[in-house]
Amino acid sequence: MRLLAIETSTDTLSVALGSGTPGGPLWQHSGPGGALASTTLLPLVRQLLDASGWALPSLDAVVFGRGPGSFTGLRTACAVAQGLAYGAQGGAHPGSLPVLPVDTLLALAEEARHAHQQAGRPAPDAIVALLDARMGELYVAIQACGPAGLSPLAPPRLCAPQDLGAHLRESLPPGCDALLAGNVFDAYAQALAAVPGARMAALPTATALLRLAPRLLAA
């Protein structure tokens, strides 16, 4: 499978090209995003395609982070993904190259799960994905970690930092070993100080989207 993944929901721009399977081919780039994403994204996609030797029409799908996140970044990713899919008509999927939008908080949880695994640590029971929604609020979603991968324990929601502890007590089973992952720990350190659980600084990435895509496309 040949997949292109685009993630621009935060201030970091991430693009990856690969098969989405362990040990498969992978070309990737990560760098500043935000306002720069709209001008740098397409040239970066072309660079990765050139490096891989894959032509755009040979792709099986374009995957992008659908949010929540920065409105400008999400709009850029969606527009570029749809434009590339249209431009690939006549390739592996004539007239209908699949475009797969993936929840940004799921991608964040997958990035944290993978980093935890790569570090040789035991898998947590659950991952609490946290993104800064600005204006004093957090985007929150909770994923259970199992042998088959991630599965939702609680749907995404907006939450004030001071209310996160209560939300987790309501959503997590008793004795659950939860890993909190995201980009909120510096900005809301005082409000989150009493929330139990290990912390990991993490962002959603295009490589996480690649790992999620085969399962989601097969569903």
Protein backbone atom coordinates (compact mmCIF):
# COMPACT_ATOMS: atom_id res chain seq x y z
CA MET A 1 0.00 0.00 0.00
CA ARG A 2 1.23 3.50 -0.88
CA LEU A 3 -0.01 6.27 1.40
CA LEU A 4 0.59 10.00 1.73
CA ALA A 5 -0.14 11.55 5.15
CA ILE A 6 -0.48 15.24 6.01
CA GLU A 7 -0.73 16.67 9.54
CA THR A 8 -0.95 20.45 10.06
CA SER A 9 -3.37 20.80 12.97
CA THR A 10 -0.72 22.32 15.28
CA ASP A 11 2.18 24.72 14.78
CA THR A 12 4.24 21.78 13.47
CA LEU A 13 3.87 20.65 9.86
CA SER A 14 4.36 16.92 9.30
CA VAL A 15 4.28 15.03 5.99
CA ALA A 16 5.02 11.34 5.41
CA LEU A 17 4.96 8.91 2.53
CA GLY A 18 5.02 5.18 3.14
CA SER A 19 3.21 1.88 3.40
CA GLY A 20 1.90 2.27 6.95
CA THR A 21 3.29 -1.14 7.95
CA PRO A 22 6.21 -1.89 10.32
CA GLY A 23 9.48 -2.06 8.42
CA GLY A 24 7.89 -0.70 5.26
CA PRO A 25 9.31 2.16 3.19
CA LEU A 26 9.06 5.61 4.77
CA TRP A 27 9.93 9.15 3.73
CA GLN A 28 9.04 11.95 6.11
CA HIS A 29 9.50 15.62 6.95
CA SER A 30 8.64 17.63 10.05
CA GLY A 31 9.13 21.36 10.54
CA PRO A 32 7.48 24.69 11.32
CA GLY A 33 3.83 24.91 10.30
CA GLY A 34 1.21 27.44 11.29
CA ALA A 35 1.01 30.28 8.78
CA LEU A 36 3.87 28.69 6.79
CA ALA A 37 1.92 25.50 6.04
CA SER A 38 -0.08 26.92 3.14
CA THR A 39 3.07 27.86 1.21
CA THR A 40 5.40 24.99 2.13
CA LEU A 41 3.12 21.94 2.14
CA LEU A 42 2.84 21.25 -1.59
CA PRO A 43 6.58 21.70 -2.29
CA LEU A 44 7.32 19.26 0.56
CA VAL A 45 4.89 16.70 -0.86
CA ARG A 46 6.63 16.99 -4.24
CA GLN A 47 10.04 16.53 -2.58
CA LEU A 48 8.91 13.33 -0.83
CA LEU A 49 7.37 11.96 -4.03
CA ASP A 50 10.61 12.68 -5.90
CA ALA A 51 12.69 11.03 -3.15
CA SER A 52 10.50 7.93 -3.13
CA GLY A 53 10.20 7.56 -6.89
CA TRP A 54 6.44 7.16 -6.44
CA ALA A 55 4.16 9.04 -8.79
CA LEU A 56 1.08 10.74 -7.38
CA PRO A 57 -1.33 8.53 -9.40
CA SER A 58 0.30 5.42 -7.91
CA LEU A 59 -0.90 6.26 -4.39
CA ASP A 60 -3.65 4.24 -2.73
CA ALA A 61 -4.91 7.02 -0.45
CA VAL A 62 -4.20 10.48 0.96
CA VAL A 63 -4.59 10.72 4.74
CA PHE A 64 -4.88 13.96 6.69
CA GLY A 65 -5.52 15.10 10.26
CA ARG A 66 -9.08 16.44 10.34
CA GLY A 67 -8.91 18.13 13.72
CA PRO A 68 -9.52 19.36 16.26
CA GLY A 69 -6.79 21.91 15.91
CA SER A 70 -5.80 25.15 14.21
CA PHE A 71 -8.50 26.26 11.77
CA THR A 72 -5.94 27.52 9.24
CA GLY A 73 -3.90 24.33 9.45
CA LEU A 74 -6.94 22.07 9.11
CA ARG A 75 -8.24 24.03 6.13
CA THR A 76 -4.82 23.78 4.46
CA ALA A 77 -4.52 20.02 5.01
CA CYS A 78 -8.04 19.33 3.75
CA ALA A 79 -7.66 21.50 0.65
CA VAL A 80 -4.28 20.01 -0.27
CA ALA A 81 -5.47 16.42 0.30
CA GLN A 82 -8.54 16.95 -1.88
CA GLY A 83 -6.51 18.73 -4.56
CA LEU A 84 -3.92 15.95 -4.70
CA ALA A 85 -6.65 13.30 -4.90
CA TYR A 86 -8.25 15.16 -7.80
CA GLY A 87 -4.85 15.57 -9.49
CA ALA A 88 -4.22 11.82 -9.22
CA GLN A 89 -7.22 10.85 -11.35
CA GLY A 90 -6.33 8.13 -13.78
CA GLY A 91 -3.90 6.42 -11.40
CA ALA A 92 -4.32 3.42 -9.13
CA HIS A 93 -7.88 4.51 -8.36
CA PRO A 94 -9.13 6.27 -11.53
CA GLY A 95 -11.32 9.22 -10.63
CA SER A 96 -11.54 8.38 -6.95
CA LEU A 97 -8.25 8.32 -5.04
CA PRO A 98 -9.49 7.84 -1.46
CA VAL A 99 -9.07 10.74 0.97
CA LEU A 100 -9.09 9.60 4.60
CA PRO A 101 -9.67 12.21 7.33
CA VAL A 102 -8.40 10.99 10.71
CA ASP A 103 -9.14 12.44 14.13
CA THR A 104 -6.16 14.49 15.33
CA LEU A 105 -6.50 13.28 18.92
CA LEU A 106 -6.41 9.67 17.73
CA ALA A 107 -3.20 10.47 15.83
CA LEU A 108 -1.76 12.05 18.99
CA ALA A 109 -2.64 8.96 21.03
CA GLU A 110 -1.03 6.72 18.40
CA GLU A 111 2.14 8.82 18.40
CA ALA A 112 2.34 8.51 22.19
CA ARG A 113 1.64 4.75 22.08
CA HIS A 114 4.38 4.21 19.51
CA ALA A 115 6.94 6.36 21.36
CA HIS A 116 6.15 4.54 24.60
CA GLN A 117 6.63 1.18 22.85
CA GLN A 118 9.87 2.26 21.17
CA ALA A 119 11.25 3.27 24.56
CA GLY A 120 10.67 -0.31 25.77
CA ARG A 121 8.08 0.69 28.38
CA PRO A 122 5.06 -1.46 29.26
CA ALA A 123 1.94 -0.31 27.44
CA PRO A 124 -0.42 1.83 29.55
CA ASP A 125 -4.05 0.79 29.95
CA ALA A 126 -5.19 4.04 28.34
CA ILE A 127 -3.84 7.17 26.68
CA VAL A 128 -5.38 10.55 27.40
CA ALA A 129 -4.72 12.74 24.34
CA LEU A 130 -4.58 16.45 25.18
CA LEU A 131 -4.23 19.38 22.80
CA ASP A 132 -4.25 23.05 23.71
CA ALA A 133 -7.50 24.54 22.37
CA ARG A 134 -6.34 28.02 23.47
CA MET A 135 -8.71 30.37 25.33
CA GLY A 136 -8.09 28.37 28.51
CA GLU A 137 -9.48 25.05 27.28
CA LEU A 138 -8.18 21.62 26.25
CA TYR A 139 -9.21 19.15 23.58
CA VAL A 140 -9.42 15.76 25.31
CA ALA A 141 -9.97 12.20 24.09
CA ILE A 142 -9.30 8.90 25.84
CA GLN A 143 -8.15 5.75 24.03
CA ALA A 144 -7.80 2.28 25.53
CA CYS A 145 -4.60 0.43 24.58
CA GLY A 146 -5.07 -3.22 23.64
CA PRO A 147 -3.42 -5.95 21.54
CA ALA A 148 -5.41 -4.84 18.49
CA GLY A 149 -4.43 -1.19 18.91
CA LEU A 150 -6.31 1.82 20.21
CA SER A 151 -10.05 1.93 20.88
CA PRO A 152 -12.13 4.83 22.24
CA LEU A 153 -12.94 4.97 25.95
CA ALA A 154 -14.41 8.46 25.87
CA PRO A 155 -15.26 10.68 22.87
CA PRO A 156 -13.39 13.92 22.15
CA ARG A 157 -14.56 16.94 24.11
CA LEU A 158 -13.56 20.41 25.24
CA CYS A 159 -12.54 20.63 28.88
CA ALA A 160 -11.24 23.33 31.18
CA PRO A 161 -7.83 22.32 32.61
CA GLN A 162 -9.15 22.46 36.17
CA ASP A 163 -11.95 20.02 35.22
CA LEU A 164 -9.70 17.37 33.65
CA GLY A 165 -9.25 15.38 36.86
CA ALA A 166 -13.01 15.02 37.35
CA HIS A 167 -13.47 14.02 33.70
CA LEU A 168 -10.85 11.29 34.02
CA ARG A 169 -12.39 9.95 37.23
CA GLU A 170 -15.72 9.65 35.42
CA SER A 171 -14.29 8.12 32.23
CA LEU A 172 -11.48 5.76 33.33
CA PRO A 173 -12.08 2.38 34.99
CA PRO A 174 -10.86 2.03 38.60
CA GLY A 175 -7.15 1.28 38.79
CA CYS A 176 -6.55 2.26 35.15
CA ASP A 177 -2.90 3.07 34.35
CA ALA A 178 -3.30 6.13 32.11
CA LEU A 179 -0.64 8.01 30.16
CA LEU A 180 -1.35 11.70 29.59
CA ALA A 181 0.11 12.86 26.25
CA GLY A 182 -0.01 16.21 24.51
CA ASN A 183 1.23 19.79 24.34
CA VAL A 184 -0.54 21.25 27.39
CA PHE A 185 1.73 20.52 30.35
CA ASP A 186 3.74 23.75 30.32
CA ALA A 187 0.87 26.11 29.60
CA TYR A 188 -1.42 24.61 32.26
CA ALA A 189 1.12 23.20 34.73
CA GLN A 190 -0.58 24.60 37.82
CA ALA A 191 -4.11 23.52 36.84
CA LEU A 192 -2.93 20.00 35.92
CA ALA A 193 -0.58 19.47 38.86
CA ALA A 194 -3.06 17.35 40.83
CA VAL A 195 -4.13 15.17 37.88
CA PRO A 196 -2.64 11.68 38.33
CA GLY A 197 -0.82 9.80 35.58
CA ALA A 198 2.49 9.80 33.75
CA ARG A 199 3.07 12.65 31.28
CA MET A 200 4.53 12.64 27.78
CA ALA A 201 5.01 15.68 25.57
CA ALA A 202 3.68 14.67 22.15
CA LEU A 203 2.02 15.99 19.00
CA PRO A 204 0.00 14.31 16.25
CA THR A 205 2.29 13.35 13.34
CA ALA A 206 1.99 12.22 9.74
CA THR A 207 3.79 8.97 10.59
CA ALA A 208 1.11 8.24 13.21
CA LEU A 209 -1.51 8.80 10.50
CA LEU A 210 0.34 6.31 8.28
CA ARG A 211 0.27 3.65 11.00
CA LEU A 212 -3.46 4.18 11.60
CA ALA A 213 -4.52 4.33 7.94
CA PRO A 214 -4.42 0.63 6.88
CA ARG A 215 -6.76 -0.40 9.71
CA LEU A 216 -9.10 2.55 9.13
CA LEU A 217 -9.22 1.98 5.37
CA ALA A 218 -10.05 -1.68 5.92
CA ALA A 219 -12.89 -0.92 8.35
